[in-house]
Amino acid sequence: MAGTIEGGRKARDTNYAKFGKNFYRNIGRKGGNNGRTGGFASDKVGKDGLTGRERAKLVGAKGGRISKRGVAKCSA
């Protein structure tokens, strides 16, 4: 039954019985409070002088340059 809608409902009911009705709210809060950096969505300027979007653009370009896929080949 794992991976089915019915199994998910049974797991939910078990979690509610063991940990209370706020189980999913509490684990979501713990995950949200865990982050400290702001990530790529941050508008704060970091120590490197870049915002999160600018930093994401640079590291994405770097990742694209070191791609292991190789040069595209024309099939014509």
C-alpha atoms as a PDB file:
ATOM      1  CA  MET A   1       0.000   0.000   0.000  1.00  0.00           C
ATOM      2  CA  ALA A   2       3.036   2.262   0.175  1.00  0.00           C
ATOM      3  CA  GLY A   3       2.953   4.997  -2.422  1.00  0.00           C
ATOM      4  CA  THR A   4      -0.835   5.022  -2.772  1.00  0.00           C
ATOM      5  CA  ILE A   5      -3.355   7.651  -1.759  1.00  0.00           C
ATOM      6  CA  GLU A   6      -4.871   5.297   0.797  1.00  0.00           C
ATOM      7  CA  GLY A   7      -1.440   4.563   2.282  1.00  0.00           C
ATOM      8  CA  GLY A   8      -0.721   8.275   2.547  1.00  0.00           C
ATOM      9  CA  ARG A   9      -3.961   8.823   4.415  1.00  0.00           C
ATOM     10  CA  LYS A  10      -3.121   6.024   6.845  1.00  0.00           C
ATOM     11  CA  ALA A  11       0.331   7.519   7.438  1.00  0.00           C
ATOM     12  CA  ARG A  12      -1.269  10.917   8.064  1.00  0.00           C
ATOM     13  CA  ASP A  13      -3.690   9.424  10.560  1.00  0.00           C
ATOM     14  CA  THR A  14      -0.861   7.611  12.348  1.00  0.00           C
ATOM     15  CA  ASN A  15       1.177  10.822  12.576  1.00  0.00           C
ATOM     16  CA  TYR A  16      -1.827  12.700  13.938  1.00  0.00           C
ATOM     17  CA  ALA A  17      -2.429   9.994  16.557  1.00  0.00           C
ATOM     18  CA  LYS A  18       1.205   9.897  17.674  1.00  0.00           C
ATOM     19  CA  PHE A  19       2.184  13.564  17.469  1.00  0.00           C
ATOM     20  CA  GLY A  20      -1.037  15.604  17.404  1.00  0.00           C
ATOM     21  CA  LYS A  21      -2.976  17.606  14.824  1.00  0.00           C
ATOM     22  CA  ASN A  22      -0.186  20.177  14.377  1.00  0.00           C
ATOM     23  CA  PHE A  23       2.375  17.587  13.226  1.00  0.00           C
ATOM     24  CA  TYR A  24       2.830  18.865   9.674  1.00  0.00           C
ATOM     25  CA  ARG A  25       2.705  22.497  10.775  1.00  0.00           C
ATOM     26  CA  ASN A  26       5.471  21.874  13.295  1.00  0.00           C
ATOM     27  CA  ILE A  27       7.816  20.058  10.927  1.00  0.00           C
ATOM     28  CA  GLY A  28       7.290  22.813   8.341  1.00  0.00           C
ATOM     29  CA  ARG A  29       8.133  25.437  10.942  1.00  0.00           C
ATOM     30  CA  LYS A  30      11.319  23.595  11.911  1.00  0.00           C
ATOM     31  CA  GLY A  31      12.451  23.473   8.296  1.00  0.00           C
ATOM     32  CA  GLY A  32      11.656  27.127   7.671  1.00  0.00           C
ATOM     33  CA  ASN A  33      13.439  28.299  10.808  1.00  0.00           C
ATOM     34  CA  ASN A  34      16.505  26.252   9.933  1.00  0.00           C
ATOM     35  CA  GLY A  35      17.620  28.418   6.998  1.00  0.00           C
ATOM     36  CA  ARG A  36      19.918  31.355   7.701  1.00  0.00           C
ATOM     37  CA  THR A  37      21.530  32.420   4.441  1.00  0.00           C
ATOM     38  CA  GLY A  38      18.652  33.751   2.346  1.00  0.00           C
ATOM     39  CA  GLY A  39      19.779  31.790  -0.693  1.00  0.00           C
ATOM     40  CA  PHE A  40      19.476  32.835  -4.309  1.00  0.00           C
ATOM     41  CA  ALA A  41      16.159  34.623  -3.688  1.00  0.00           C
ATOM     42  CA  SER A  42      17.763  37.078  -1.256  1.00  0.00           C
ATOM     43  CA  ASP A  43      17.938  40.771  -2.143  1.00  0.00           C
ATOM     44  CA  LYS A  44      20.585  41.448   0.507  1.00  0.00           C
ATOM     45  CA  VAL A  45      24.053  42.267  -0.765  1.00  0.00           C
ATOM     46  CA  GLY A  46      26.505  39.663   0.501  1.00  0.00           C
ATOM     47  CA  LYS A  47      30.186  39.872   1.387  1.00  0.00           C
ATOM     48  CA  ASP A  48      31.053  39.420  -2.284  1.00  0.00           C
ATOM     49  CA  GLY A  49      29.018  42.519  -3.248  1.00  0.00           C
ATOM     50  CA  LEU A  50      26.344  40.529  -5.090  1.00  0.00           C
ATOM     51  CA  THR A  51      22.650  39.936  -4.469  1.00  0.00           C
ATOM     52  CA  GLY A  52      21.233  36.443  -4.563  1.00  0.00           C
ATOM     53  CA  ARG A  53      19.983  36.777  -8.162  1.00  0.00           C
ATOM     54  CA  GLU A  54      23.340  38.080  -9.388  1.00  0.00           C
ATOM     55  CA  ARG A  55      25.154  35.247  -7.628  1.00  0.00           C
ATOM     56  CA  ALA A  56      22.749  32.681  -9.118  1.00  0.00           C
ATOM     57  CA  LYS A  57      23.411  34.050 -12.590  1.00  0.00           C
ATOM     58  CA  LEU A  58      27.178  33.747 -12.163  1.00  0.00           C
ATOM     59  CA  VAL A  59      27.206  30.234 -10.715  1.00  0.00           C
ATOM     60  CA  GLY A  60      24.669  29.055 -13.297  1.00  0.00           C
ATOM     61  CA  ALA A  61      26.897  30.327 -16.093  1.00  0.00           C
ATOM     62  CA  LYS A  62      29.872  28.605 -14.468  1.00  0.00           C
ATOM     63  CA  GLY A  63      27.930  25.341 -14.323  1.00  0.00           C
ATOM     64  CA  GLY A  64      26.981  25.697 -17.978  1.00  0.00           C
ATOM     65  CA  ARG A  65      30.601  26.203 -19.003  1.00  0.00           C
ATOM     66  CA  ILE A  66      31.729  23.024 -17.275  1.00  0.00           C
ATOM     67  CA  SER A  67      28.867  20.947 -18.647  1.00  0.00           C
ATOM     68  CA  LYS A  68      29.860  17.407 -19.576  1.00  0.00           C
ATOM     69  CA  ARG A  69      27.312  17.143 -22.379  1.00  0.00           C
ATOM     70  CA  GLY A  70      29.654  18.443 -25.044  1.00  0.00           C
ATOM     71  CA  VAL A  71      28.998  20.480 -28.169  1.00  0.00           C
ATOM     72  CA  ALA A  72      25.644  20.090 -29.901  1.00  0.00           C
ATOM     73  CA  LYS A  73      25.877  18.206 -33.199  1.00  0.00           C
ATOM     74  CA  CYS A  74      23.790  19.048 -36.241  1.00  0.00           C
ATOM     75  CA  SER A  75      21.768  16.123 -37.582  1.00  0.00           C
ATOM     76  CA  ALA A  76      21.431  17.491 -41.133  1.00  0.00           C
END
